[in-house]
Amino acid sequence: MRTLIWRFYRDLKAYKLSPDPKPTRMMRARFDRIFTRKTGYILLDQQLRRLHRRKAHLLRVLDRPDIPLHTNGSENDIRSVVT
């Protein structure tokens, strides 16, 4: 599962660098295949379902490649203020 998720994330990053509307339907279907999979591990399956419910938010980059895939930059900016 980890490999499938990281490969998908890698492909989202590549899409963000060079957006092409053609593969967006394929990427959404791939997301569904990954995050609706049953692993047999209760906690992992729950987490996958939770992520799948957030599909629209998590795949927003397919519609808006200008938005960041993660918030690490924002978290780093505020960390210095907090500490």
N, C-alpha and C. Protein backbone atom coordinates (compact mmCIF):
# COMPACT_ATOMS: atom_id res chain seq x y z
N MET A 1 0.82 -1.19 0.00
CA MET A 1 0.00 0.00 0.00
C MET A 1 0.87 1.26 0.00
N ARG A 2 1.90 1.21 0.81
CA ARG A 2 2.77 2.39 0.90
C ARG A 2 3.34 2.73 -0.46
N THR A 3 3.79 1.73 -1.18
CA THR A 3 4.37 1.96 -2.50
C THR A 3 3.33 2.54 -3.46
N LEU A 4 2.12 1.99 -3.44
CA LEU A 4 1.06 2.51 -4.32
C LEU A 4 0.77 3.98 -4.03
N ILE A 5 0.71 4.32 -2.75
CA ILE A 5 0.39 5.70 -2.36
C ILE A 5 1.52 6.64 -2.75
N TRP A 6 2.77 6.25 -2.48
CA TRP A 6 3.89 7.13 -2.81
C TRP A 6 4.06 7.29 -4.32
N ARG A 7 3.79 6.25 -5.08
CA ARG A 7 3.84 6.38 -6.55
C ARG A 7 2.75 7.33 -7.04
N PHE A 8 1.58 7.21 -6.44
CA PHE A 8 0.49 8.11 -6.82
C PHE A 8 0.86 9.55 -6.50
N TYR A 9 1.43 9.77 -5.33
CA TYR A 9 1.85 11.12 -4.93
C TYR A 9 2.93 11.65 -5.89
N ARG A 10 3.86 10.79 -6.25
CA ARG A 10 4.90 11.18 -7.22
C ARG A 10 4.26 11.62 -8.54
N ASP A 11 3.26 10.89 -8.99
CA ASP A 11 2.59 11.24 -10.24
C ASP A 11 1.77 12.52 -10.12
N LEU A 12 1.22 12.78 -8.94
CA LEU A 12 0.53 14.06 -8.72
C LEU A 12 1.52 15.21 -8.80
N LYS A 13 2.71 15.02 -8.22
CA LYS A 13 3.73 16.07 -8.30
C LYS A 13 4.15 16.31 -9.74
N ALA A 14 4.28 15.24 -10.52
CA ALA A 14 4.64 15.39 -11.94
C ALA A 14 3.53 16.11 -12.70
N TYR A 15 2.29 15.77 -12.39
CA TYR A 15 1.15 16.44 -13.03
C TYR A 15 1.18 17.93 -12.71
N LYS A 16 1.48 18.27 -11.47
CA LYS A 16 1.51 19.66 -11.04
C LYS A 16 2.55 20.46 -11.84
N LEU A 17 3.67 19.84 -12.14
CA LEU A 17 4.73 20.51 -12.91
C LEU A 17 4.37 20.68 -14.38
N SER A 18 3.60 19.72 -14.89
CA SER A 18 3.23 19.75 -16.30
C SER A 18 1.77 19.32 -16.45
N PRO A 19 0.82 20.19 -16.11
CA PRO A 19 -0.60 19.81 -16.14
C PRO A 19 -1.08 19.45 -17.54
N ASP A 20 -1.80 18.37 -17.61
CA ASP A 20 -2.40 17.91 -18.85
C ASP A 20 -3.77 17.35 -18.49
N PRO A 21 -4.85 17.93 -19.00
CA PRO A 21 -6.18 17.48 -18.60
C PRO A 21 -6.52 16.04 -19.00
N LYS A 22 -5.78 15.46 -19.92
CA LYS A 22 -6.10 14.11 -20.38
C LYS A 22 -6.06 13.06 -19.27
N PRO A 23 -5.02 13.01 -18.43
CA PRO A 23 -4.96 11.92 -17.45
C PRO A 23 -5.76 12.15 -16.17
N THR A 24 -6.50 13.25 -16.06
CA THR A 24 -7.18 13.53 -14.80
C THR A 24 -8.23 12.47 -14.45
N ARG A 25 -8.99 12.02 -15.43
CA ARG A 25 -9.99 10.98 -15.16
C ARG A 25 -9.31 9.69 -14.71
N MET A 26 -8.18 9.38 -15.35
CA MET A 26 -7.43 8.19 -14.99
C MET A 26 -6.86 8.31 -13.56
N MET A 27 -6.39 9.51 -13.21
CA MET A 27 -5.84 9.72 -11.87
C MET A 27 -6.94 9.57 -10.81
N ARG A 28 -8.12 10.07 -11.10
CA ARG A 28 -9.23 9.94 -10.15
C ARG A 28 -9.62 8.47 -9.97
N ALA A 29 -9.65 7.73 -11.06
CA ALA A 29 -9.98 6.30 -10.98
C ALA A 29 -8.89 5.54 -10.23
N ARG A 30 -7.65 5.91 -10.45
CA ARG A 30 -6.53 5.28 -9.74
C ARG A 30 -6.62 5.56 -8.24
N PHE A 31 -6.97 6.79 -7.89
CA PHE A 31 -7.17 7.15 -6.48
C PHE A 31 -8.23 6.22 -5.86
N ASP A 32 -9.34 6.04 -6.57
CA ASP A 32 -10.40 5.16 -6.08
C ASP A 32 -9.89 3.73 -5.88
N ARG A 33 -9.14 3.23 -6.84
CA ARG A 33 -8.62 1.86 -6.72
C ARG A 33 -7.71 1.71 -5.51
N ILE A 34 -6.89 2.70 -5.26
CA ILE A 34 -5.95 2.63 -4.13
C ILE A 34 -6.70 2.74 -2.81
N PHE A 35 -7.55 3.75 -2.68
CA PHE A 35 -8.13 4.08 -1.39
C PHE A 35 -9.44 3.38 -1.07
N THR A 36 -9.91 2.49 -1.94
CA THR A 36 -11.05 1.64 -1.60
C THR A 36 -10.61 0.19 -1.44
N ARG A 37 -9.35 -0.04 -1.54
CA ARG A 37 -8.79 -1.39 -1.40
C ARG A 37 -8.93 -1.88 0.03
N LYS A 38 -9.22 -3.14 0.20
CA LYS A 38 -9.29 -3.78 1.51
C LYS A 38 -7.97 -4.50 1.75
N THR A 39 -7.32 -4.18 2.86
CA THR A 39 -6.02 -4.77 3.16
C THR A 39 -6.11 -5.91 4.17
N GLY A 40 -7.19 -5.93 4.94
CA GLY A 40 -7.31 -6.91 6.01
C GLY A 40 -6.79 -6.38 7.34
N TYR A 41 -6.22 -5.19 7.34
CA TYR A 41 -5.77 -4.53 8.56
C TYR A 41 -6.80 -3.46 8.91
N ILE A 42 -7.46 -3.62 10.03
CA ILE A 42 -8.58 -2.75 10.39
C ILE A 42 -8.19 -1.28 10.40
N LEU A 43 -7.11 -0.94 11.08
CA LEU A 43 -6.73 0.47 11.19
C LEU A 43 -6.34 1.06 9.83
N LEU A 44 -5.63 0.28 9.05
CA LEU A 44 -5.24 0.76 7.71
C LEU A 44 -6.47 0.94 6.83
N ASP A 45 -7.38 0.00 6.87
CA ASP A 45 -8.60 0.12 6.07
C ASP A 45 -9.42 1.34 6.49
N GLN A 46 -9.47 1.62 7.80
CA GLN A 46 -10.18 2.81 8.27
C GLN A 46 -9.52 4.08 7.75
N GLN A 47 -8.21 4.11 7.79
CA GLN A 47 -7.48 5.29 7.31
C GLN A 47 -7.68 5.48 5.81
N LEU A 48 -7.65 4.40 5.07
CA LEU A 48 -7.87 4.49 3.62
C LEU A 48 -9.27 5.02 3.32
N ARG A 49 -10.27 4.55 4.08
CA ARG A 49 -11.64 5.06 3.88
C ARG A 49 -11.72 6.55 4.22
N ARG A 50 -11.05 6.95 5.30
CA ARG A 50 -11.07 8.36 5.69
C ARG A 50 -10.45 9.23 4.59
N LEU A 51 -9.34 8.77 4.03
CA LEU A 51 -8.70 9.52 2.95
C LEU A 51 -9.59 9.54 1.71
N HIS A 52 -10.25 8.44 1.42
CA HIS A 52 -11.11 8.39 0.26
C HIS A 52 -12.27 9.37 0.39
N ARG A 53 -12.79 9.55 1.60
CA ARG A 53 -13.87 10.52 1.81
C ARG A 53 -13.41 11.95 1.51
N ARG A 54 -12.12 12.19 1.59
CA ARG A 54 -11.56 13.53 1.33
C ARG A 54 -11.05 13.66 -0.10
N LYS A 55 -11.48 12.80 -0.97
CA LYS A 55 -10.99 12.74 -2.35
C LYS A 55 -11.05 14.11 -3.04
N ALA A 56 -12.16 14.79 -2.95
CA ALA A 56 -12.30 16.08 -3.65
C ALA A 56 -11.23 17.06 -3.20
N HIS A 57 -10.98 17.09 -1.91
CA HIS A 57 -9.97 18.00 -1.37
C HIS A 57 -8.55 17.55 -1.76
N LEU A 58 -8.31 16.25 -1.64
CA LEU A 58 -6.96 15.74 -1.90
C LEU A 58 -6.57 15.80 -3.38
N LEU A 59 -7.55 15.75 -4.25
CA LEU A 59 -7.25 15.79 -5.70
C LEU A 59 -7.54 17.15 -6.32
N ARG A 60 -7.69 18.15 -5.50
CA ARG A 60 -7.96 19.50 -6.01
C ARG A 60 -6.86 19.96 -6.97
N VAL A 61 -5.66 19.46 -6.78
CA VAL A 61 -4.54 19.85 -7.64
C VAL A 61 -4.80 19.48 -9.11
N LEU A 62 -5.66 18.50 -9.35
CA LEU A 62 -5.97 18.13 -10.74
C LEU A 62 -6.76 19.24 -11.43
N ASP A 63 -7.51 19.99 -10.66
CA ASP A 63 -8.27 21.11 -11.22
C ASP A 63 -7.51 22.42 -11.11
N ARG A 64 -6.68 22.53 -10.08
CA ARG A 64 -5.93 23.76 -9.81
C ARG A 64 -4.47 23.44 -9.54
N PRO A 65 -3.66 23.21 -10.58
CA PRO A 65 -2.26 22.83 -10.39
C PRO A 65 -1.42 23.88 -9.67
N ASP A 66 -1.96 25.09 -9.51
CA ASP A 66 -1.20 26.15 -8.86
C ASP A 66 -1.20 26.03 -7.33
N ILE A 67 -2.09 25.20 -6.77
CA ILE A 67 -2.12 25.08 -5.31
C ILE A 67 -1.11 24.02 -4.85
N PRO A 68 -0.59 24.17 -3.63
CA PRO A 68 0.41 23.20 -3.14
C PRO A 68 -0.22 21.85 -2.83
N LEU A 69 0.58 20.81 -2.95
CA LEU A 69 0.13 19.46 -2.60
C LEU A 69 0.15 19.23 -1.10
N HIS A 70 0.92 19.99 -0.39
CA HIS A 70 1.04 19.83 1.06
C HIS A 70 1.20 21.20 1.71
N THR A 71 1.18 21.22 3.02
CA THR A 71 1.28 22.48 3.74
C THR A 71 2.60 22.61 4.49
N ASN A 72 3.59 21.86 4.12
CA ASN A 72 4.86 21.90 4.84
C ASN A 72 5.44 23.31 4.91
N GLY A 73 5.32 24.09 3.85
CA GLY A 73 5.84 25.45 3.86
C GLY A 73 5.13 26.31 4.89
N SER A 74 3.82 26.20 4.95
CA SER A 74 3.05 26.96 5.94
C SER A 74 3.41 26.53 7.35
N GLU A 75 3.55 25.23 7.54
CA GLU A 75 3.91 24.74 8.87
C GLU A 75 5.29 25.23 9.29
N ASN A 76 6.22 25.25 8.37
CA ASN A 76 7.56 25.73 8.68
C ASN A 76 7.54 27.22 9.00
N ASP A 77 6.73 27.99 8.28
CA ASP A 77 6.64 29.44 8.52
C ASP A 77 6.15 29.74 9.93
N ILE A 78 5.14 29.00 10.36
CA ILE A 78 4.57 29.29 11.68
C ILE A 78 5.40 28.68 12.82
N ARG A 79 6.17 27.66 12.53
CA ARG A 79 6.96 27.00 13.58
C ARG A 79 7.89 27.96 14.29
N SER A 80 8.52 28.86 13.57
CA SER A 80 9.44 29.80 14.21
C SER A 80 8.70 30.76 15.13
N VAL A 81 7.48 31.12 14.78
CA VAL A 81 6.67 31.99 15.62
C VAL A 81 6.29 31.28 16.92
N VAL A 82 5.91 30.00 16.79
CA VAL A 82 5.46 29.23 17.94
C VAL A 82 6.62 28.94 18.90
N THR A 83 7.79 28.61 18.34
CA THR A 83 8.92 28.31 19.22
C THR A 83 9.57 29.58 19.68
